[in-house]
All heavy atoms as atom14 arrays in JSON, in Angstrom:
{
  "sequence": "KVTELLMLFNLSGKKSLHPYQLSMGQKRRLSVATALAQNPAILLL",
  "atom14_mask": [
    [1, 1, 1, 1, 1, 1, 1, 1, 1, 0, 0, 0, 0, 0],
    [1, 1, 1, 1, 1, 1, 1, 0, 0, 0, 0, 0, 0, 0],
    [1, 1, 1, 1, 1, 1, 1, 0, 0, 0, 0, 0, 0, 0],
    [1, 1, 1, 1, 1, 1, 1, 1, 1, 0, 0, 0, 0, 0],
    [1, 1, 1, 1, 1, 1, 1, 1, 0, 0, 0, 0, 0, 0],
    [1, 1, 1, 1, 1, 1, 1, 1, 0, 0, 0, 0, 0, 0],
    [1, 1, 1, 1, 1, 1, 1, 1, 0, 0, 0, 0, 0, 0],
    [1, 1, 1, 1, 1, 1, 1, 1, 0, 0, 0, 0, 0, 0],
    [1, 1, 1, 1, 1, 1, 1, 1, 1, 1, 1, 0, 0, 0],
    [1, 1, 1, 1, 1, 1, 1, 1, 0, 0, 0, 0, 0, 0],
    [1, 1, 1, 1, 1, 1, 1, 1, 0, 0, 0, 0, 0, 0],
    [1, 1, 1, 1, 1, 1, 0, 0, 0, 0, 0, 0, 0, 0],
    [1, 1, 1, 1, 0, 0, 0, 0, 0, 0, 0, 0, 0, 0],
    [1, 1, 1, 1, 1, 1, 1, 1, 1, 0, 0, 0, 0, 0],
    [1, 1, 1, 1, 1, 1, 1, 1, 1, 0, 0, 0, 0, 0],
    [1, 1, 1, 1, 1, 1, 0, 0, 0, 0, 0, 0, 0, 0],
    [1, 1, 1, 1, 1, 1, 1, 1, 0, 0, 0, 0, 0, 0],
    [1, 1, 1, 1, 1, 1, 1, 1, 1, 1, 0, 0, 0, 0],
    [1, 1, 1, 1, 1, 1, 1, 0, 0, 0, 0, 0, 0, 0],
    [1, 1, 1, 1, 1, 1, 1, 1, 1, 1, 1, 1, 0, 0],
    [1, 1, 1, 1, 1, 1, 1, 1, 1, 0, 0, 0, 0, 0],
    [1, 1, 1, 1, 1, 1, 1, 1, 0, 0, 0, 0, 0, 0],
    [1, 1, 1, 1, 1, 1, 0, 0, 0, 0, 0, 0, 0, 0],
    [1, 1, 1, 1, 1, 1, 1, 1, 0, 0, 0, 0, 0, 0],
    [1, 1, 1, 1, 0, 0, 0, 0, 0, 0, 0, 0, 0, 0],
    [1, 1, 1, 1, 1, 1, 1, 1, 1, 0, 0, 0, 0, 0],
    [1, 1, 1, 1, 1, 1, 1, 1, 1, 0, 0, 0, 0, 0],
    [1, 1, 1, 1, 1, 1, 1, 1, 1, 1, 1, 0, 0, 0],
    [1, 1, 1, 1, 1, 1, 1, 1, 1, 1, 1, 0, 0, 0],
    [1, 1, 1, 1, 1, 1, 1, 1, 0, 0, 0, 0, 0, 0],
    [1, 1, 1, 1, 1, 1, 0, 0, 0, 0, 0, 0, 0, 0],
    [1, 1, 1, 1, 1, 1, 1, 0, 0, 0, 0, 0, 0, 0],
    [1, 1, 1, 1, 1, 0, 0, 0, 0, 0, 0, 0, 0, 0],
    [1, 1, 1, 1, 1, 1, 1, 0, 0, 0, 0, 0, 0, 0],
    [1, 1, 1, 1, 1, 0, 0, 0, 0, 0, 0, 0, 0, 0],
    [1, 1, 1, 1, 1, 1, 1, 1, 0, 0, 0, 0, 0, 0],
    [1, 1, 1, 1, 1, 0, 0, 0, 0, 0, 0, 0, 0, 0],
    [1, 1, 1, 1, 1, 1, 1, 1, 1, 0, 0, 0, 0, 0],
    [1, 1, 1, 1, 1, 1, 1, 1, 0, 0, 0, 0, 0, 0],
    [1, 1, 1, 1, 1, 1, 1, 0, 0, 0, 0, 0, 0, 0],
    [1, 1, 1, 1, 1, 0, 0, 0, 0, 0, 0, 0, 0, 0],
    [1, 1, 1, 1, 1, 1, 1, 1, 0, 0, 0, 0, 0, 0],
    [1, 1, 1, 1, 1, 1, 1, 1, 0, 0, 0, 0, 0, 0],
    [1, 1, 1, 1, 1, 1, 1, 1, 0, 0, 0, 0, 0, 0],
    [1, 1, 1, 1, 1, 1, 1, 1, 0, 0, 0, 0, 0, 0]
  ],
  "atom14_positions": [
    [[118.87, 116.94, 79.63], [118.2, 116.36, 80.79], [118.64, 117.03, 82.09], [117.82, 117.3, 82.97], [118.48, 114.86, 80.86], [117.78, 114.05, 79.77], [118.09, 112.57, 79.91], [117.35, 111.74, 78.88], [117.66, 110.29, 78.98], [0.0, 0.0, 0.0], [0.0, 0.0, 0.0], [0.0, 0.0, 0.0], [0.0, 0.0, 0.0], [0.0, 0.0, 0.0]],
    [[119.94, 117.31, 82.21], [120.44, 117.95, 83.43], [119.9, 119.37, 83.55], [119.5, 119.81, 84.63], [121.98, 117.94, 83.45], [122.5, 118.8, 84.61], [122.52, 116.53, 83.58], [0.0, 0.0, 0.0], [0.0, 0.0, 0.0], [0.0, 0.0, 0.0], [0.0, 0.0, 0.0], [0.0, 0.0, 0.0], [0.0, 0.0, 0.0], [0.0, 0.0, 0.0]],
    [[119.86, 120.08, 82.43], [119.33, 121.45, 82.45], [117.88, 121.46, 82.89], [117.46, 122.34, 83.67], [119.45, 122.08, 81.04], [120.83, 122.14, 80.67], [118.86, 123.48, 81.04], [0.0, 0.0, 0.0], [0.0, 0.0, 0.0], [0.0, 0.0, 0.0], [0.0, 0.0, 0.0], [0.0, 0.0, 0.0], [0.0, 0.0, 0.0], [0.0, 0.0, 0.0]],
    [[117.1, 120.48, 82.44], [115.7, 120.38, 82.84], [115.58, 120.15, 84.34], [114.73, 120.75, 85.02], [115.01, 119.26, 82.07], [114.8, 119.57, 80.59], [114.25, 118.38, 79.82], [114.21, 117.27, 80.41], [113.89, 118.54, 78.65], [0.0, 0.0, 0.0], [0.0, 0.0, 0.0], [0.0, 0.0, 0.0], [0.0, 0.0, 0.0], [0.0, 0.0, 0.0]],
    [[116.43, 119.26, 84.88], [116.39, 118.98, 86.32], [116.82, 120.2, 87.13], [116.24, 120.49, 88.19], [117.28, 117.78, 86.64], [116.7, 116.41, 86.3], [117.77, 115.33, 86.44], [115.51, 116.07, 87.2], [0.0, 0.0, 0.0], [0.0, 0.0, 0.0], [0.0, 0.0, 0.0], [0.0, 0.0, 0.0], [0.0, 0.0, 0.0], [0.0, 0.0, 0.0]],
    [[117.83, 120.9, 86.66], [118.3, 122.09, 87.37], [117.19, 123.14, 87.45], [117.0, 123.78, 88.49], [119.53, 122.67, 86.67], [120.82, 121.87, 86.8], [121.88, 122.42, 85.84], [121.34, 121.91, 88.22], [0.0, 0.0, 0.0], [0.0, 0.0, 0.0], [0.0, 0.0, 0.0], [0.0, 0.0, 0.0], [0.0, 0.0, 0.0], [0.0, 0.0, 0.0]],
    [[116.47, 123.3, 86.37], [115.37, 124.27, 86.36], [114.23, 123.79, 87.26], [113.65, 124.57, 88.02], [114.86, 124.48, 84.93], [115.84, 125.19, 84.02], [115.19, 125.41, 82.34], [113.79, 126.48, 82.67], [0.0, 0.0, 0.0], [0.0, 0.0, 0.0], [0.0, 0.0, 0.0], [0.0, 0.0, 0.0], [0.0, 0.0, 0.0], [0.0, 0.0, 0.0]],
    [[113.92, 122.51, 87.19], [112.82, 121.95, 87.97], [113.04, 122.09, 89.47], [112.11, 122.35, 90.23], [112.63, 120.47, 87.61], [111.44, 119.74, 88.22], [110.13, 120.36, 87.74], [111.49, 118.26, 87.87], [0.0, 0.0, 0.0], [0.0, 0.0, 0.0], [0.0, 0.0, 0.0], [0.0, 0.0, 0.0], [0.0, 0.0, 0.0], [0.0, 0.0, 0.0]],
    [[114.3, 121.98, 89.89], [114.62, 122.03, 91.31], [115.26, 123.36, 91.74], [115.87, 123.44, 92.79], [115.53, 120.86, 91.69], [114.81, 119.54, 91.75], [114.68, 118.75, 90.63], [114.22, 119.1, 92.93], [114.0, 117.55, 90.66], [113.53, 117.91, 92.98], [113.41, 117.12, 91.84], [0.0, 0.0, 0.0], [0.0, 0.0, 0.0], [0.0, 0.0, 0.0]],
    [[115.11, 124.37, 90.89], [115.58, 125.72, 91.23], [117.06, 125.74, 91.6], [117.47, 126.34, 92.59], [114.74, 126.3, 92.38], [114.92, 127.79, 92.55], [115.38, 128.47, 91.64], [114.56, 128.31, 93.71], [0.0, 0.0, 0.0], [0.0, 0.0, 0.0], [0.0, 0.0, 0.0], [0.0, 0.0, 0.0], [0.0, 0.0, 0.0], [0.0, 0.0, 0.0]],
    [[117.86, 125.08, 90.78], [119.3, 125.0, 91.01], [120.11, 125.47, 89.8], [121.32, 125.25, 89.74], [119.7, 123.55, 91.36], [119.16, 123.01, 92.68], [119.43, 121.51, 92.76], [119.8, 123.71, 93.87], [0.0, 0.0, 0.0], [0.0, 0.0, 0.0], [0.0, 0.0, 0.0], [0.0, 0.0, 0.0], [0.0, 0.0, 0.0], [0.0, 0.0, 0.0]],
    [[119.47, 126.12, 88.85], [120.14, 126.5, 87.6], [121.37, 127.35, 87.83], [122.4, 127.18, 87.17], [119.15, 127.23, 86.68], [118.1, 126.4, 86.3], [0.0, 0.0, 0.0], [0.0, 0.0, 0.0], [0.0, 0.0, 0.0], [0.0, 0.0, 0.0], [0.0, 0.0, 0.0], [0.0, 0.0, 0.0], [0.0, 0.0, 0.0], [0.0, 0.0, 0.0]],
    [[121.29, 128.26, 88.78], [122.42, 129.15, 89.03], [123.52, 128.53, 89.87], [124.52, 129.18, 90.17], [0.0, 0.0, 0.0], [0.0, 0.0, 0.0], [0.0, 0.0, 0.0], [0.0, 0.0, 0.0], [0.0, 0.0, 0.0], [0.0, 0.0, 0.0], [0.0, 0.0, 0.0], [0.0, 0.0, 0.0], [0.0, 0.0, 0.0], [0.0, 0.0, 0.0]],
    [[123.35, 127.26, 90.24], [124.3, 126.58, 91.13], [125.06, 125.45, 90.44], [125.8, 124.73, 91.1], [123.57, 126.01, 92.35], [122.64, 126.98, 93.04], [123.37, 128.16, 93.65], [122.4, 129.1, 94.35], [123.1, 130.28, 94.91], [0.0, 0.0, 0.0], [0.0, 0.0, 0.0], [0.0, 0.0, 0.0], [0.0, 0.0, 0.0], [0.0, 0.0, 0.0]],
    [[124.9, 125.28, 89.14], [125.4, 124.08, 88.47], [126.92, 123.92, 88.53], [127.43, 122.81, 88.48], [124.94, 124.04, 87.01], [125.51, 125.14, 86.12], [125.0, 124.96, 84.7], [125.61, 125.99, 83.76], [125.12, 125.79, 82.36], [0.0, 0.0, 0.0], [0.0, 0.0, 0.0], [0.0, 0.0, 0.0], [0.0, 0.0, 0.0], [0.0, 0.0, 0.0]],
    [[127.65, 125.02, 88.67], [129.12, 124.93, 88.69], [129.7, 124.79, 90.09], [130.89, 124.58, 90.26], [129.73, 126.18, 88.03], [129.33, 126.27, 86.67], [0.0, 0.0, 0.0], [0.0, 0.0, 0.0], [0.0, 0.0, 0.0], [0.0, 0.0, 0.0], [0.0, 0.0, 0.0], [0.0, 0.0, 0.0], [0.0, 0.0, 0.0], [0.0, 0.0, 0.0]],
    [[128.84, 124.9, 91.1], [129.3, 124.8, 92.49], [129.51, 123.35, 92.9], [128.88, 122.43, 92.36], [128.29, 125.44, 93.43], [128.04, 126.94, 93.31], [127.02, 127.37, 94.35], [129.33, 127.72, 93.48], [0.0, 0.0, 0.0], [0.0, 0.0, 0.0], [0.0, 0.0, 0.0], [0.0, 0.0, 0.0], [0.0, 0.0, 0.0], [0.0, 0.0, 0.0]],
    [[130.37, 123.15, 93.89], [130.47, 121.84, 94.52], [129.2, 121.64, 95.35], [128.71, 122.6, 95.97], [131.7, 121.78, 95.43], [132.04, 120.4, 95.89], [131.3, 119.73, 96.85], [133.04, 119.55, 95.52], [131.81, 118.54, 97.05], [132.87, 118.39, 96.27], [0.0, 0.0, 0.0], [0.0, 0.0, 0.0], [0.0, 0.0, 0.0], [0.0, 0.0, 0.0]],
    [[128.63, 120.43, 95.39], [127.41, 120.21, 96.18], [127.53, 120.66, 97.62], [126.54, 121.1, 98.22], [127.21, 118.7, 96.07], [127.79, 118.34, 94.75], [128.99, 119.24, 94.6], [0.0, 0.0, 0.0], [0.0, 0.0, 0.0], [0.0, 0.0, 0.0], [0.0, 0.0, 0.0], [0.0, 0.0, 0.0], [0.0, 0.0, 0.0], [0.0, 0.0, 0.0]],
    [[128.72, 120.58, 98.21], [128.9, 120.98, 99.6], [128.77, 122.49, 99.8], [128.63, 122.96, 100.92], [130.26, 120.53, 100.13], [130.35, 119.05, 100.42], [129.35, 118.17, 100.06], [131.47, 118.52, 101.06], [129.43, 116.82, 100.32], [131.57, 117.16, 101.33], [130.55, 116.31, 100.95], [130.64, 114.97, 101.22], [0.0, 0.0, 0.0], [0.0, 0.0, 0.0]],
    [[128.85, 123.26, 98.7], [128.73, 124.72, 98.8], [127.28, 125.18, 98.84], [127.02, 126.35, 99.07], [129.44, 125.39, 97.62], [130.97, 125.31, 97.68], [131.6, 126.05, 96.52], [131.77, 125.49, 95.44], [131.92, 127.31, 96.73], [0.0, 0.0, 0.0], [0.0, 0.0, 0.0], [0.0, 0.0, 0.0], [0.0, 0.0, 0.0], [0.0, 0.0, 0.0]],
    [[126.35, 124.28, 98.62], [124.95, 124.64, 98.62], [124.42, 124.81, 100.04], [125.0, 124.3, 100.99], [124.13, 123.55, 97.92], [124.47, 123.22, 96.47], [123.61, 122.07, 95.98], [124.3, 124.44, 95.58], [0.0, 0.0, 0.0], [0.0, 0.0, 0.0], [0.0, 0.0, 0.0], [0.0, 0.0, 0.0], [0.0, 0.0, 0.0], [0.0, 0.0, 0.0]],
    [[123.32, 125.53, 100.17], [122.64, 125.59, 101.45], [122.02, 124.23, 101.73], [121.91, 123.38, 100.84], [121.55, 126.67, 101.42], [120.45, 126.24, 100.62], [0.0, 0.0, 0.0], [0.0, 0.0, 0.0], [0.0, 0.0, 0.0], [0.0, 0.0, 0.0], [0.0, 0.0, 0.0], [0.0, 0.0, 0.0], [0.0, 0.0, 0.0], [0.0, 0.0, 0.0]],
    [[121.57, 124.01, 102.98], [121.0, 122.72, 103.31], [119.75, 122.44, 102.48], [119.54, 121.32, 101.99], [120.66, 122.65, 104.8], [120.08, 121.31, 105.23], [121.14, 119.88, 104.86], [122.39, 120.1, 106.16], [0.0, 0.0, 0.0], [0.0, 0.0, 0.0], [0.0, 0.0, 0.0], [0.0, 0.0, 0.0], [0.0, 0.0, 0.0], [0.0, 0.0, 0.0]],
    [[118.91, 123.46, 102.29], [117.72, 123.27, 101.48], [118.06, 122.91, 100.04], [117.41, 122.07, 99.42], [0.0, 0.0, 0.0], [0.0, 0.0, 0.0], [0.0, 0.0, 0.0], [0.0, 0.0, 0.0], [0.0, 0.0, 0.0], [0.0, 0.0, 0.0], [0.0, 0.0, 0.0], [0.0, 0.0, 0.0], [0.0, 0.0, 0.0], [0.0, 0.0, 0.0]],
    [[119.09, 123.55, 99.49], [119.52, 123.26, 98.12], [120.13, 121.86, 98.03], [119.93, 121.15, 97.03], [120.53, 124.32, 97.66], [119.9, 125.69, 97.47], [120.93, 126.8, 97.38], [122.1, 126.63, 97.72], [120.5, 127.96, 96.92], [0.0, 0.0, 0.0], [0.0, 0.0, 0.0], [0.0, 0.0, 0.0], [0.0, 0.0, 0.0], [0.0, 0.0, 0.0]],
    [[120.86, 121.46, 99.06], [121.41, 120.09, 99.09], [120.28, 119.07, 99.07], [120.38, 118.04, 98.4], [122.28, 119.89, 100.33], [123.61, 120.63, 100.3], [124.33, 120.45, 101.63], [125.63, 121.23, 101.66], [126.31, 121.16, 102.98], [0.0, 0.0, 0.0], [0.0, 0.0, 0.0], [0.0, 0.0, 0.0], [0.0, 0.0, 0.0], [0.0, 0.0, 0.0]],
    [[119.22, 119.34, 99.85], [118.1, 118.42, 99.88], [117.47, 118.3, 98.5], [117.11, 117.21, 98.06], [117.04, 118.9, 100.88], [117.5, 119.0, 102.31], [118.0, 117.67, 102.82], [116.94, 116.71, 103.02], [117.13, 115.4, 103.09], [118.33, 114.9, 102.91], [116.13, 114.58, 103.31], [0.0, 0.0, 0.0], [0.0, 0.0, 0.0], [0.0, 0.0, 0.0]],
    [[117.3, 119.42, 97.82], [116.69, 119.38, 96.49], [117.58, 118.63, 95.5], [117.09, 117.86, 94.66], [116.41, 120.8, 95.99], [115.44, 121.56, 96.87], [114.73, 122.66, 96.12], [115.61, 123.71, 95.64], [116.02, 124.73, 96.36], [115.66, 124.84, 97.65], [116.79, 125.67, 95.84], [0.0, 0.0, 0.0], [0.0, 0.0, 0.0], [0.0, 0.0, 0.0]],
    [[118.89, 118.82, 95.61], [119.81, 118.11, 94.73], [119.75, 116.61, 94.98], [119.78, 115.8, 94.04], [121.24, 118.63, 94.92], [122.33, 117.92, 94.09], [122.04, 118.04, 92.6], [123.71, 118.49, 94.42], [0.0, 0.0, 0.0], [0.0, 0.0, 0.0], [0.0, 0.0, 0.0], [0.0, 0.0, 0.0], [0.0, 0.0, 0.0], [0.0, 0.0, 0.0]],
    [[119.66, 116.22, 96.25], [119.62, 114.79, 96.57], [118.36, 114.13, 96.0], [118.41, 113.01, 95.5], [119.71, 114.57, 98.08], [118.57, 115.09, 98.75], [0.0, 0.0, 0.0], [0.0, 0.0, 0.0], [0.0, 0.0, 0.0], [0.0, 0.0, 0.0], [0.0, 0.0, 0.0], [0.0, 0.0, 0.0], [0.0, 0.0, 0.0], [0.0, 0.0, 0.0]],
    [[117.23, 114.86, 96.06], [116.0, 114.31, 95.48], [116.1, 114.27, 93.97], [115.68, 113.31, 93.32], [114.78, 115.15, 95.91], [113.51, 114.63, 95.24], [114.61, 115.12, 97.43], [0.0, 0.0, 0.0], [0.0, 0.0, 0.0], [0.0, 0.0, 0.0], [0.0, 0.0, 0.0], [0.0, 0.0, 0.0], [0.0, 0.0, 0.0], [0.0, 0.0, 0.0]],
    [[116.7, 115.31, 93.38], [116.85, 115.35, 91.92], [117.7, 114.2, 91.4], [117.39, 113.59, 90.37], [117.47, 116.69, 91.5], [0.0, 0.0, 0.0], [0.0, 0.0, 0.0], [0.0, 0.0, 0.0], [0.0, 0.0, 0.0], [0.0, 0.0, 0.0], [0.0, 0.0, 0.0], [0.0, 0.0, 0.0], [0.0, 0.0, 0.0], [0.0, 0.0, 0.0]],
    [[118.78, 113.87, 92.12], [119.63, 112.76, 91.68], [118.89, 111.44, 91.75], [119.09, 110.55, 90.92], [120.91, 112.67, 92.53], [120.56, 112.53, 93.92], [121.77, 113.92, 92.35], [0.0, 0.0, 0.0], [0.0, 0.0, 0.0], [0.0, 0.0, 0.0], [0.0, 0.0, 0.0], [0.0, 0.0, 0.0], [0.0, 0.0, 0.0], [0.0, 0.0, 0.0]],
    [[118.01, 111.29, 92.76], [117.23, 110.06, 92.86], [116.2, 109.98, 91.74], [116.0, 108.92, 91.13], [116.54, 109.99, 94.23], [0.0, 0.0, 0.0], [0.0, 0.0, 0.0], [0.0, 0.0, 0.0], [0.0, 0.0, 0.0], [0.0, 0.0, 0.0], [0.0, 0.0, 0.0], [0.0, 0.0, 0.0], [0.0, 0.0, 0.0], [0.0, 0.0, 0.0]],
    [[115.53, 111.1, 91.44], [114.52, 111.1, 90.39], [115.12, 110.94, 89.0], [114.45, 110.48, 88.08], [113.7, 112.39, 90.45], [112.71, 112.52, 91.61], [111.97, 113.85, 91.53], [111.71, 111.38, 91.59], [0.0, 0.0, 0.0], [0.0, 0.0, 0.0], [0.0, 0.0, 0.0], [0.0, 0.0, 0.0], [0.0, 0.0, 0.0], [0.0, 0.0, 0.0]],
    [[116.39, 111.32, 88.84], [117.05, 111.17, 87.54], [117.07, 109.72, 87.09], [117.09, 109.42, 85.9], [118.47, 111.72, 87.61], [0.0, 0.0, 0.0], [0.0, 0.0, 0.0], [0.0, 0.0, 0.0], [0.0, 0.0, 0.0], [0.0, 0.0, 0.0], [0.0, 0.0, 0.0], [0.0, 0.0, 0.0], [0.0, 0.0, 0.0], [0.0, 0.0, 0.0]],
    [[117.03, 108.8, 88.06], [117.05, 107.37, 87.75], [115.66, 106.86, 87.36], [115.53, 105.73, 86.9], [117.53, 106.58, 88.97], [118.88, 107.02, 89.51], [119.17, 106.39, 90.86], [118.83, 105.24, 91.11], [119.79, 107.15, 91.75], [0.0, 0.0, 0.0], [0.0, 0.0, 0.0], [0.0, 0.0, 0.0], [0.0, 0.0, 0.0], [0.0, 0.0, 0.0]],
    [[114.62, 107.7, 87.58], [113.23, 107.31, 87.34], [112.9, 105.97, 87.99], [112.4, 105.05, 87.34], [112.94, 107.23, 85.83], [111.44, 107.13, 85.55], [110.62, 107.67, 86.29], [111.08, 106.41, 84.5], [0.0, 0.0, 0.0], [0.0, 0.0, 0.0], [0.0, 0.0, 0.0], [0.0, 0.0, 0.0], [0.0, 0.0, 0.0], [0.0, 0.0, 0.0]],
    [[113.16, 105.84, 89.3], [112.91, 104.56, 89.97], [111.43, 104.29, 90.17], [110.64, 105.23, 90.34], [113.63, 104.74, 91.31], [113.5, 106.2, 91.58], [113.62, 106.88, 90.24], [0.0, 0.0, 0.0], [0.0, 0.0, 0.0], [0.0, 0.0, 0.0], [0.0, 0.0, 0.0], [0.0, 0.0, 0.0], [0.0, 0.0, 0.0], [0.0, 0.0, 0.0]],
    [[111.04, 103.03, 90.17], [109.65, 102.67, 90.42], [109.28, 102.93, 91.87], [108.14, 103.25, 92.2], [109.42, 101.21, 90.07], [0.0, 0.0, 0.0], [0.0, 0.0, 0.0], [0.0, 0.0, 0.0], [0.0, 0.0, 0.0], [0.0, 0.0, 0.0], [0.0, 0.0, 0.0], [0.0, 0.0, 0.0], [0.0, 0.0, 0.0], [0.0, 0.0, 0.0]],
    [[110.27, 102.79, 92.78], [110.06, 103.0, 94.21], [111.0, 104.09, 94.68], [112.2, 104.04, 94.4], [110.34, 101.71, 95.0], [109.5, 100.55, 94.46], [110.09, 101.9, 96.49], [109.98, 99.2, 94.91], [0.0, 0.0, 0.0], [0.0, 0.0, 0.0], [0.0, 0.0, 0.0], [0.0, 0.0, 0.0], [0.0, 0.0, 0.0], [0.0, 0.0, 0.0]],
    [[110.47, 105.09, 95.36], [111.29, 106.2, 95.84], [111.26, 106.22, 97.36], [110.2, 106.36, 97.97], [110.77, 107.52, 95.28], [111.65, 108.76, 95.5], [113.03, 108.56, 94.88], [110.99, 109.99, 94.89], [0.0, 0.0, 0.0], [0.0, 0.0, 0.0], [0.0, 0.0, 0.0], [0.0, 0.0, 0.0], [0.0, 0.0, 0.0], [0.0, 0.0, 0.0]],
    [[112.42, 106.03, 97.98], [112.57, 106.02, 99.43], [113.2, 107.34, 99.86], [114.31, 107.66, 99.44], [113.45, 104.85, 99.87], [113.02, 103.46, 99.38], [114.11, 102.43, 99.67], [111.72, 103.03, 100.04], [0.0, 0.0, 0.0], [0.0, 0.0, 0.0], [0.0, 0.0, 0.0], [0.0, 0.0, 0.0], [0.0, 0.0, 0.0], [0.0, 0.0, 0.0]],
    [[112.51, 108.11, 100.69], [112.99, 109.44, 101.08], [113.0, 109.58, 102.58], [112.01, 109.28, 103.25], [112.11, 110.53, 100.48], [111.87, 110.5, 98.97], [110.44, 110.07, 98.7], [112.13, 111.85, 98.34], [0.0, 0.0, 0.0], [0.0, 0.0, 0.0], [0.0, 0.0, 0.0], [0.0, 0.0, 0.0], [0.0, 0.0, 0.0], [0.0, 0.0, 0.0]]
  ]
}
């Protein structure tokens, strides 16, 4: 599941990095990916 999310959000090459090491755009994608991982009925962005 994590591999699928990493590919979906173009973060595959960043999986071993600390989230703070990402660019701002990559941080934004990671934050959305973590929210979608929960498959919530309501998504607040």
